[in-house]
Amino acid sequence: MMIDLVADGFMEELQALAFAPHVPVDDGGVLKLAVEGEVGRELVVELDALLDQLAGTGVTRVVIDFSQAHHIDYRAVGILVARAETLRALDGDLKLSGLSSFLKAILRSGGAHGNFDTYASVDLAVASFNKSVGPLG
C-alpha cells in the first residue's frame, strides 16, 4: 500500500496516518509515500514531523515517490537530507524514487548531491532495503 500525499488535502492524510493504530508498511517494513504536484517547503516540514513521530514507533525505512511531482521547493531539500541522516542513525533510510532530471537538479542545487539513493521505481527502492539493488544516482 502506498500513501499518496497531495498538496491539497495533505494534512488530512498525514493526521489520519499519525493516528492510525497500525502504520501501513509493506512486508519488509517499508513505508511508501507518494507526493504529487508542487512539493512545497510546508508540505515537507509536515512530512518530516510525521516521519519523526513514526520513527519513534520503529518505522525507519521510508521510500518517497516523486514520479507525480513536477517541482520541489529547494528550501525543503535540507529537511529531507536531515531526516535521511536521522533514519540512517536508527538503522533505516530514506530513499527516493521517480525523480525527473529537473527534480534531481533541484536536489543537487539544494545541497543533496550524494545524500540519497534514487531509484526509477518504488518497487526498486523498496527492494533495495532487502537486497543489493544499486541506486540510479
C-alpha atoms as a PDB file:
ATOM      1  CA  MET A   1       0.000   0.000   0.000  1.00  0.00           C
ATOM      2  CA  MET A   2       1.279   3.455  -0.872  1.00  0.00           C
ATOM      3  CA  ILE A   3       0.050   6.598   0.805  1.00  0.00           C
ATOM      4  CA  ASP A   4      -0.457   9.491  -1.595  1.00  0.00           C
ATOM      5  CA  LEU A   5       0.343  12.945  -0.275  1.00  0.00           C
ATOM      6  CA  VAL A   6      -1.159  15.625  -2.463  1.00  0.00           C
ATOM      7  CA  ALA A   7      -0.688  19.329  -1.800  1.00  0.00           C
ATOM      8  CA  ASP A   8      -4.459  19.781  -1.496  1.00  0.00           C
ATOM      9  CA  GLY A   9      -5.843  17.851   1.458  1.00  0.00           C
ATOM     10  CA  PHE A  10      -2.397  16.727   2.533  1.00  0.00           C
ATOM     11  CA  MET A  11      -2.872  17.477   6.202  1.00  0.00           C
ATOM     12  CA  GLU A  12      -5.900  15.200   6.487  1.00  0.00           C
ATOM     13  CA  GLU A  13      -3.895  12.272   5.119  1.00  0.00           C
ATOM     14  CA  LEU A  14      -1.000  12.960   7.497  1.00  0.00           C
ATOM     15  CA  GLN A  15      -3.270  13.270  10.501  1.00  0.00           C
ATOM     16  CA  ALA A  16      -5.059  10.031   9.640  1.00  0.00           C
ATOM     17  CA  LEU A  17      -1.708   8.270   9.295  1.00  0.00           C
ATOM     18  CA  ALA A  18      -0.378   9.720  12.540  1.00  0.00           C
ATOM     19  CA  PHE A  19      -3.367   8.389  14.489  1.00  0.00           C
ATOM     20  CA  ALA A  20      -3.658   5.041  12.712  1.00  0.00           C
ATOM     21  CA  PRO A  21      -3.335   2.081  15.092  1.00  0.00           C
ATOM     22  CA  HIS A  22      -1.057   0.391  12.550  1.00  0.00           C
ATOM     23  CA  VAL A  23       1.100   2.282  10.071  1.00  0.00           C
ATOM     24  CA  PRO A  24       0.723   0.651   6.645  1.00  0.00           C
ATOM     25  CA  VAL A  25       4.167  -0.694   5.827  1.00  0.00           C
ATOM     26  CA  ASP A  26       4.902  -3.462   3.356  1.00  0.00           C
ATOM     27  CA  ASP A  27       6.170  -6.922   4.309  1.00  0.00           C
ATOM     28  CA  GLY A  28       9.718  -5.598   4.595  1.00  0.00           C
ATOM     29  CA  GLY A  29       8.682  -2.854   6.996  1.00  0.00           C
ATOM     30  CA  VAL A  30       8.970  -0.080   4.404  1.00  0.00           C
ATOM     31  CA  LEU A  31       6.626   2.909   4.468  1.00  0.00           C
ATOM     32  CA  LYS A  32       5.859   4.072   0.924  1.00  0.00           C
ATOM     33  CA  LEU A  33       4.734   7.652   0.383  1.00  0.00           C
ATOM     34  CA  ALA A  34       3.900   9.384  -2.895  1.00  0.00           C
ATOM     35  CA  VAL A  35       3.916  13.127  -3.419  1.00  0.00           C
ATOM     36  CA  GLU A  36       2.212  14.910  -6.292  1.00  0.00           C
ATOM     37  CA  GLY A  37       2.343  18.270  -7.975  1.00  0.00           C
ATOM     38  CA  GLU A  38       4.127  21.125  -6.245  1.00  0.00           C
ATOM     39  CA  VAL A  39       6.103  19.849  -3.252  1.00  0.00           C
ATOM     40  CA  GLY A  40       6.466  22.944  -1.116  1.00  0.00           C
ATOM     41  CA  ARG A  41       8.521  23.557   1.987  1.00  0.00           C
ATOM     42  CA  GLU A  42       5.428  23.467   4.200  1.00  0.00           C
ATOM     43  CA  LEU A  43       4.484  20.006   2.957  1.00  0.00           C
ATOM     44  CA  VAL A  44       7.999  18.716   3.647  1.00  0.00           C
ATOM     45  CA  VAL A  45       8.020  20.269   7.140  1.00  0.00           C
ATOM     46  CA  GLU A  46       4.780  18.444   7.971  1.00  0.00           C
ATOM     47  CA  LEU A  47       6.032  15.231   6.396  1.00  0.00           C
ATOM     48  CA  ASP A  48       9.225  15.489   8.436  1.00  0.00           C
ATOM     49  CA  ALA A  49       7.234  15.892  11.650  1.00  0.00           C
ATOM     50  CA  LEU A  50       5.218  12.794  10.791  1.00  0.00           C
ATOM     51  CA  LEU A  51       8.342  10.761   9.970  1.00  0.00           C
ATOM     52  CA  ASP A  52       9.871  11.871  13.259  1.00  0.00           C
ATOM     53  CA  GLN A  53       6.790  10.662  15.117  1.00  0.00           C
ATOM     54  CA  LEU A  54       6.745   7.362  13.204  1.00  0.00           C
ATOM     55  CA  ALA A  55      10.466   6.781  13.792  1.00  0.00           C
ATOM     56  CA  GLY A  56       9.629   6.700  17.488  1.00  0.00           C
ATOM     57  CA  THR A  57       7.369   3.715  16.773  1.00  0.00           C
ATOM     58  CA  GLY A  58      10.043   1.877  14.771  1.00  0.00           C
ATOM     59  CA  VAL A  59       9.179   2.994  11.233  1.00  0.00           C
ATOM     60  CA  THR A  60      12.629   3.905   9.925  1.00  0.00           C
ATOM     61  CA  ARG A  61      12.577   2.591   6.345  1.00  0.00           C
ATOM     62  CA  VAL A  62      10.852   5.045   4.014  1.00  0.00           C
ATOM     63  CA  VAL A  63      10.502   5.491   0.256  1.00  0.00           C
ATOM     64  CA  ILE A  64       9.130   8.737  -1.154  1.00  0.00           C
ATOM     65  CA  ASP A  65       7.919   8.508  -4.750  1.00  0.00           C
ATOM     66  CA  PHE A  66       8.252  11.722  -6.761  1.00  0.00           C
ATOM     67  CA  SER A  67       7.006  10.346 -10.099  1.00  0.00           C
ATOM     68  CA  GLN A  68       3.878  12.554  -9.974  1.00  0.00           C
ATOM     69  CA  ALA A  69       5.660  15.644  -8.638  1.00  0.00           C
ATOM     70  CA  HIS A  70       6.648  18.429 -11.009  1.00  0.00           C
ATOM     71  CA  HIS A  71       8.568  20.680  -8.601  1.00  0.00           C
ATOM     72  CA  ILE A  72      10.142  20.681  -5.144  1.00  0.00           C
ATOM     73  CA  ASP A  73      10.990  23.820  -3.222  1.00  0.00           C
ATOM     74  CA  TYR A  74      14.789  23.922  -2.900  1.00  0.00           C
ATOM     75  CA  ARG A  75      14.350  25.133   0.707  1.00  0.00           C
ATOM     76  CA  ALA A  76      12.858  21.728   1.570  1.00  0.00           C
ATOM     77  CA  VAL A  77      15.904  19.762   0.442  1.00  0.00           C
ATOM     78  CA  GLY A  78      17.853  20.261   3.669  1.00  0.00           C
ATOM     79  CA  ILE A  79      14.891  18.964   5.671  1.00  0.00           C
ATOM     80  CA  LEU A  80      14.856  15.749   3.639  1.00  0.00           C
ATOM     81  CA  VAL A  81      18.627  15.342   3.999  1.00  0.00           C
ATOM     82  CA  ALA A  82      18.424  15.764   7.783  1.00  0.00           C
ATOM     83  CA  ARG A  83      15.568  13.256   8.017  1.00  0.00           C
ATOM     84  CA  ALA A  84      17.537  10.718   5.962  1.00  0.00           C
ATOM     85  CA  GLU A  85      20.535  11.123   8.283  1.00  0.00           C
ATOM     86  CA  THR A  86      18.315  10.629  11.335  1.00  0.00           C
ATOM     87  CA  LEU A  87      16.732   7.496   9.865  1.00  0.00           C
ATOM     88  CA  ARG A  88      20.157   6.089   8.977  1.00  0.00           C
ATOM     89  CA  ALA A  89      21.279   6.599  12.572  1.00  0.00           C
ATOM     90  CA  LEU A  90      18.322   4.365  13.520  1.00  0.00           C
ATOM     91  CA  ASP A  91      19.395   1.648  11.014  1.00  0.00           C
ATOM     92  CA  GLY A  92      16.826   2.811   8.469  1.00  0.00           C
ATOM     93  CA  ASP A  93      16.960   5.096   5.460  1.00  0.00           C
ATOM     94  CA  LEU A  94      15.007   7.487   3.287  1.00  0.00           C
ATOM     95  CA  LYS A  95      15.126   6.582  -0.400  1.00  0.00           C
ATOM     96  CA  LEU A  96      13.674   8.498  -3.328  1.00  0.00           C
ATOM     97  CA  SER A  97      12.070   7.163  -6.482  1.00  0.00           C
ATOM     98  CA  GLY A  98      10.652   8.549  -9.706  1.00  0.00           C
ATOM     99  CA  LEU A  99      12.761  11.709  -9.807  1.00  0.00           C
ATOM    100  CA  SER A 100      12.810  13.570 -13.104  1.00  0.00           C
ATOM    101  CA  SER A 101      16.042  15.167 -14.288  1.00  0.00           C
ATOM    102  CA  PHE A 102      14.576  18.518 -13.240  1.00  0.00           C
ATOM    103  CA  LEU A 103      13.871  17.330  -9.682  1.00  0.00           C
ATOM    104  CA  LYS A 104      17.338  15.784  -9.443  1.00  0.00           C
ATOM    105  CA  ALA A 105      18.806  19.154 -10.430  1.00  0.00           C
ATOM    106  CA  ILE A 106      16.810  20.887  -7.685  1.00  0.00           C
ATOM    107  CA  LEU A 107      18.041  18.347  -5.135  1.00  0.00           C
ATOM    108  CA  ARG A 108      21.642  18.920  -6.231  1.00  0.00           C
ATOM    109  CA  SER A 109      21.314  22.697  -6.127  1.00  0.00           C
ATOM    110  CA  GLY A 110      19.648  22.419  -2.712  1.00  0.00           C
ATOM    111  CA  GLY A 111      22.688  20.606  -1.339  1.00  0.00           C
ATOM    112  CA  ALA A 112      21.578  16.975  -1.526  1.00  0.00           C
ATOM    113  CA  HIS A 113      24.147  15.710  -4.028  1.00  0.00           C
ATOM    114  CA  GLY A 114      25.186  12.240  -2.888  1.00  0.00           C
ATOM    115  CA  ASN A 115      22.853  12.229   0.122  1.00  0.00           C
ATOM    116  CA  PHE A 116      20.152   9.957  -1.305  1.00  0.00           C
ATOM    117  CA  ASP A 117      19.906   6.688  -3.142  1.00  0.00           C
ATOM    118  CA  THR A 118      17.487   7.264  -6.024  1.00  0.00           C
ATOM    119  CA  TYR A 119      15.580   4.650  -7.979  1.00  0.00           C
ATOM    120  CA  ALA A 120      13.480   4.584 -11.125  1.00  0.00           C
ATOM    121  CA  SER A 121      10.541   2.973  -9.330  1.00  0.00           C
ATOM    122  CA  VAL A 122       9.092   2.487  -5.876  1.00  0.00           C
ATOM    123  CA  ASP A 123       9.491  -1.276  -6.210  1.00  0.00           C
ATOM    124  CA  LEU A 124      13.233  -0.989  -6.854  1.00  0.00           C
ATOM    125  CA  ALA A 125      13.635   1.391  -3.920  1.00  0.00           C
ATOM    126  CA  VAL A 126      11.753  -0.964  -1.606  1.00  0.00           C
ATOM    127  CA  ALA A 127      13.734  -3.958  -2.854  1.00  0.00           C
ATOM    128  CA  SER A 128      16.987  -2.131  -2.116  1.00  0.00           C
ATOM    129  CA  PHE A 129      16.247  -2.370   1.603  1.00  0.00           C
ATOM    130  CA  ASN A 130      16.353  -6.150   1.389  1.00  0.00           C
ATOM    131  CA  LYS A 131      18.985  -6.891  -1.218  1.00  0.00           C
ATOM    132  CA  SER A 132      21.759  -5.333  -3.223  1.00  0.00           C
ATOM    133  CA  VAL A 133      19.787  -3.251  -5.673  1.00  0.00           C
ATOM    134  CA  GLY A 134      22.027  -0.383  -6.703  1.00  0.00           C
ATOM    135  CA  PRO A 135      20.793   3.194  -6.924  1.00  0.00           C
ATOM    136  CA  LEU A 136      20.456   5.045 -10.197  1.00  0.00           C
ATOM    137  CA  GLY A 137      22.398   8.074  -8.946  1.00  0.00           C
END
